[in-house]
Amino acid sequence: MTAHNTRQMQAIGMCKSLLSLSQTQRRLAHDNRREALEWERAGELAKYRQCRADSDRLWRDAKWHLSWAKEWKGRI
């Protein structure tokens, strides 16, 4: 296997890993948002704010990882 093929395989692996992480973070963000709405209905505003903050952070991180995956895809 040439050095180019090795780098290409590493880039493919990194791209897949980043995409998987991004998808997981999106699912977790959705779960946190649903949980936040439940806390809001229950009147627990501190827990609501914490869940929303976690959800927003997960969305931000998911977008960053997706962007980074696209960057790695460009190296293939």
N, C-alpha and C. Protein backbone atom coordinates (compact mmCIF):
# COMPACT_ATOMS: atom_id res chain seq x y z
N MET A 1 0.85 -1.17 0.00
CA MET A 1 0.00 0.00 0.00
C MET A 1 0.90 1.24 0.00
N THR A 2 0.60 2.15 -0.87
CA THR A 2 1.42 3.36 -0.98
C THR A 2 1.06 4.34 0.13
N ALA A 3 1.92 5.33 0.29
CA ALA A 3 1.67 6.36 1.31
C ALA A 3 0.39 7.13 0.99
N HIS A 4 0.13 7.35 -0.30
CA HIS A 4 -1.08 8.06 -0.71
C HIS A 4 -2.33 7.27 -0.31
N ASN A 5 -2.30 5.96 -0.57
CA ASN A 5 -3.44 5.12 -0.21
C ASN A 5 -3.67 5.09 1.30
N THR A 6 -2.57 5.06 2.05
CA THR A 6 -2.67 5.06 3.50
C THR A 6 -3.32 6.35 3.99
N ARG A 7 -2.87 7.49 3.47
CA ARG A 7 -3.46 8.78 3.85
C ARG A 7 -4.93 8.84 3.46
N GLN A 8 -5.25 8.30 2.29
CA GLN A 8 -6.63 8.30 1.82
C GLN A 8 -7.51 7.45 2.75
N MET A 9 -7.02 6.30 3.15
CA MET A 9 -7.78 5.43 4.06
C MET A 9 -7.96 6.11 5.42
N GLN A 10 -6.93 6.81 5.89
CA GLN A 10 -7.04 7.53 7.16
C GLN A 10 -8.08 8.64 7.06
N ALA A 11 -8.08 9.35 5.94
CA ALA A 11 -9.05 10.43 5.73
C ALA A 11 -10.47 9.88 5.69
N ILE A 12 -10.66 8.74 5.03
CA ILE A 12 -11.99 8.12 4.97
C ILE A 12 -12.44 7.71 6.37
N GLY A 13 -11.54 7.11 7.14
CA GLY A 13 -11.86 6.71 8.50
C GLY A 13 -12.21 7.89 9.38
N MET A 14 -11.44 8.96 9.26
CA MET A 14 -11.70 10.16 10.05
C MET A 14 -13.04 10.78 9.67
N CYS A 15 -13.32 10.82 8.38
CA CYS A 15 -14.58 11.38 7.89
C CYS A 15 -15.77 10.58 8.44
N LYS A 16 -15.69 9.27 8.38
CA LYS A 16 -16.77 8.43 8.90
C LYS A 16 -16.96 8.62 10.40
N SER A 17 -15.86 8.70 11.12
CA SER A 17 -15.94 8.89 12.58
C SER A 17 -16.58 10.22 12.93
N LEU A 18 -16.19 11.28 12.24
CA LEU A 18 -16.75 12.60 12.51
C LEU A 18 -18.24 12.66 12.16
N LEU A 19 -18.62 12.01 11.06
CA LEU A 19 -20.04 11.98 10.69
C LEU A 19 -20.86 11.22 11.73
N SER A 20 -20.33 10.11 12.20
CA SER A 20 -21.02 9.32 13.22
C SER A 20 -21.17 10.12 14.51
N LEU A 21 -20.11 10.79 14.92
CA LEU A 21 -20.16 11.62 16.12
C LEU A 21 -21.19 12.73 15.97
N SER A 22 -21.21 13.36 14.81
CA SER A 22 -22.16 14.44 14.55
C SER A 22 -23.60 13.93 14.65
N GLN A 23 -23.86 12.78 14.08
CA GLN A 23 -25.22 12.21 14.13
C GLN A 23 -25.63 11.87 15.56
N THR A 24 -24.69 11.32 16.33
CA THR A 24 -24.98 11.00 17.72
C THR A 24 -25.29 12.27 18.51
N GLN A 25 -24.51 13.31 18.28
CA GLN A 25 -24.74 14.57 18.99
C GLN A 25 -26.09 15.18 18.61
N ARG A 26 -26.48 15.06 17.36
CA ARG A 26 -27.79 15.57 16.95
C ARG A 26 -28.91 14.83 17.66
N ARG A 27 -28.79 13.50 17.74
CA ARG A 27 -29.82 12.71 18.44
C ARG A 27 -29.89 13.10 19.92
N LEU A 28 -28.74 13.26 20.54
CA LEU A 28 -28.71 13.66 21.95
C LEU A 28 -29.29 15.05 22.15
N ALA A 29 -29.02 15.95 21.21
CA ALA A 29 -29.57 17.31 21.29
C ALA A 29 -31.09 17.26 21.23
N HIS A 30 -31.63 16.43 20.35
CA HIS A 30 -33.09 16.27 20.25
C HIS A 30 -33.65 15.74 21.57
N ASP A 31 -32.98 14.73 22.13
CA ASP A 31 -33.44 14.16 23.40
C ASP A 31 -33.43 15.21 24.50
N ASN A 32 -32.35 16.00 24.56
CA ASN A 32 -32.25 17.04 25.59
C ASN A 32 -33.33 18.10 25.40
N ARG A 33 -33.62 18.42 24.17
CA ARG A 33 -34.65 19.43 23.92
C ARG A 33 -36.02 18.93 24.38
N ARG A 34 -36.32 17.66 24.08
CA ARG A 34 -37.59 17.08 24.54
C ARG A 34 -37.65 17.07 26.07
N GLU A 35 -36.54 16.70 26.69
CA GLU A 35 -36.50 16.68 28.15
C GLU A 35 -36.67 18.09 28.71
N ALA A 36 -36.07 19.07 28.06
CA ALA A 36 -36.21 20.46 28.51
C ALA A 36 -37.68 20.89 28.47
N LEU A 37 -38.38 20.51 27.43
CA LEU A 37 -39.80 20.87 27.33
C LEU A 37 -40.61 20.21 28.44
N GLU A 38 -40.25 18.99 28.80
CA GLU A 38 -40.93 18.31 29.91
C GLU A 38 -40.68 19.05 31.22
N TRP A 39 -39.44 19.48 31.44
CA TRP A 39 -39.12 20.23 32.66
C TRP A 39 -39.85 21.57 32.68
N GLU A 40 -39.97 22.18 31.51
CA GLU A 40 -40.68 23.46 31.45
C GLU A 40 -42.15 23.27 31.84
N ARG A 41 -42.77 22.22 31.31
CA ARG A 41 -44.17 21.94 31.65
C ARG A 41 -44.33 21.64 33.14
N ALA A 42 -43.30 21.03 33.73
CA ALA A 42 -43.35 20.69 35.16
C ALA A 42 -43.03 21.90 36.04
N GLY A 43 -42.62 23.00 35.42
CA GLY A 43 -42.32 24.20 36.20
C GLY A 43 -40.91 24.24 36.77
N GLU A 44 -40.06 23.32 36.35
CA GLU A 44 -38.67 23.26 36.83
C GLU A 44 -37.79 24.06 35.87
N LEU A 45 -37.77 25.37 36.04
CA LEU A 45 -37.08 26.22 35.07
C LEU A 45 -35.56 26.08 35.11
N ALA A 46 -34.99 25.80 36.27
CA ALA A 46 -33.53 25.61 36.34
C ALA A 46 -33.12 24.38 35.52
N LYS A 47 -33.88 23.30 35.66
CA LYS A 47 -33.58 22.08 34.89
C LYS A 47 -33.86 22.31 33.41
N TYR A 48 -34.91 23.08 33.12
CA TYR A 48 -35.22 23.43 31.73
C TYR A 48 -34.04 24.17 31.10
N ARG A 49 -33.54 25.19 31.80
CA ARG A 49 -32.43 25.98 31.26
C ARG A 49 -31.18 25.13 31.05
N GLN A 50 -30.91 24.22 32.00
CA GLN A 50 -29.73 23.36 31.87
C GLN A 50 -29.87 22.43 30.66
N CYS A 51 -31.04 21.83 30.49
CA CYS A 51 -31.25 20.94 29.34
C CYS A 51 -31.16 21.71 28.02
N ARG A 52 -31.70 22.91 27.99
CA ARG A 52 -31.62 23.72 26.77
C ARG A 52 -30.17 24.10 26.47
N ALA A 53 -29.41 24.44 27.51
CA ALA A 53 -28.00 24.78 27.32
C ALA A 53 -27.24 23.57 26.78
N ASP A 54 -27.52 22.39 27.33
CA ASP A 54 -26.88 21.17 26.85
C ASP A 54 -27.27 20.89 25.40
N SER A 55 -28.54 21.07 25.09
CA SER A 55 -29.03 20.86 23.73
C SER A 55 -28.35 21.81 22.74
N ASP A 56 -28.27 23.07 23.12
CA ASP A 56 -27.63 24.06 22.24
C ASP A 56 -26.16 23.73 22.03
N ARG A 57 -25.47 23.31 23.10
CA ARG A 57 -24.05 22.95 22.99
C ARG A 57 -23.88 21.75 22.06
N LEU A 58 -24.74 20.75 22.23
CA LEU A 58 -24.65 19.56 21.38
C LEU A 58 -24.89 19.90 19.91
N TRP A 59 -25.87 20.78 19.62
CA TRP A 59 -26.13 21.20 18.25
C TRP A 59 -24.91 21.91 17.67
N ARG A 60 -24.34 22.82 18.47
CA ARG A 60 -23.16 23.56 18.01
C ARG A 60 -22.01 22.61 17.70
N ASP A 61 -21.77 21.67 18.62
CA ASP A 61 -20.70 20.70 18.41
C ASP A 61 -20.97 19.80 17.21
N ALA A 62 -22.23 19.39 17.04
CA ALA A 62 -22.58 18.54 15.90
C ALA A 62 -22.31 19.26 14.59
N LYS A 63 -22.67 20.53 14.53
CA LYS A 63 -22.42 21.31 13.30
C LYS A 63 -20.92 21.43 13.05
N TRP A 64 -20.15 21.64 14.12
CA TRP A 64 -18.70 21.76 13.97
C TRP A 64 -18.11 20.46 13.46
N HIS A 65 -18.53 19.33 14.04
CA HIS A 65 -18.01 18.03 13.60
C HIS A 65 -18.43 17.71 12.17
N LEU A 66 -19.64 18.10 11.79
CA LEU A 66 -20.07 17.89 10.41
C LEU A 66 -19.22 18.72 9.45
N SER A 67 -18.94 19.95 9.83
CA SER A 67 -18.09 20.81 9.01
C SER A 67 -16.68 20.22 8.89
N TRP A 68 -16.17 19.72 9.98
CA TRP A 68 -14.84 19.12 9.98
C TRP A 68 -14.83 17.84 9.13
N ALA A 69 -15.91 17.07 9.16
CA ALA A 69 -16.01 15.87 8.32
C ALA A 69 -15.97 16.25 6.84
N LYS A 70 -16.64 17.34 6.48
CA LYS A 70 -16.61 17.81 5.09
C LYS A 70 -15.20 18.22 4.70
N GLU A 71 -14.48 18.82 5.64
CA GLU A 71 -13.09 19.20 5.39
C GLU A 71 -12.24 17.96 5.11
N TRP A 72 -12.42 16.92 5.91
CA TRP A 72 -11.68 15.68 5.70
C TRP A 72 -12.09 15.01 4.39
N LYS A 73 -13.37 15.11 4.05
CA LYS A 73 -13.84 14.52 2.79
C LYS A 73 -13.14 15.16 1.61
N GLY A 74 -12.85 16.45 1.71
CA GLY A 74 -12.13 17.15 0.65
C GLY A 74 -10.71 16.65 0.46
N ARG A 75 -10.18 15.95 1.45
CA ARG A 75 -8.81 15.43 1.37
C ARG A 75 -8.75 14.06 0.70
N ILE A 76 -9.91 13.47 0.46
CA ILE A 76 -9.94 12.11 -0.12
C ILE A 76 -9.66 12.17 -1.61
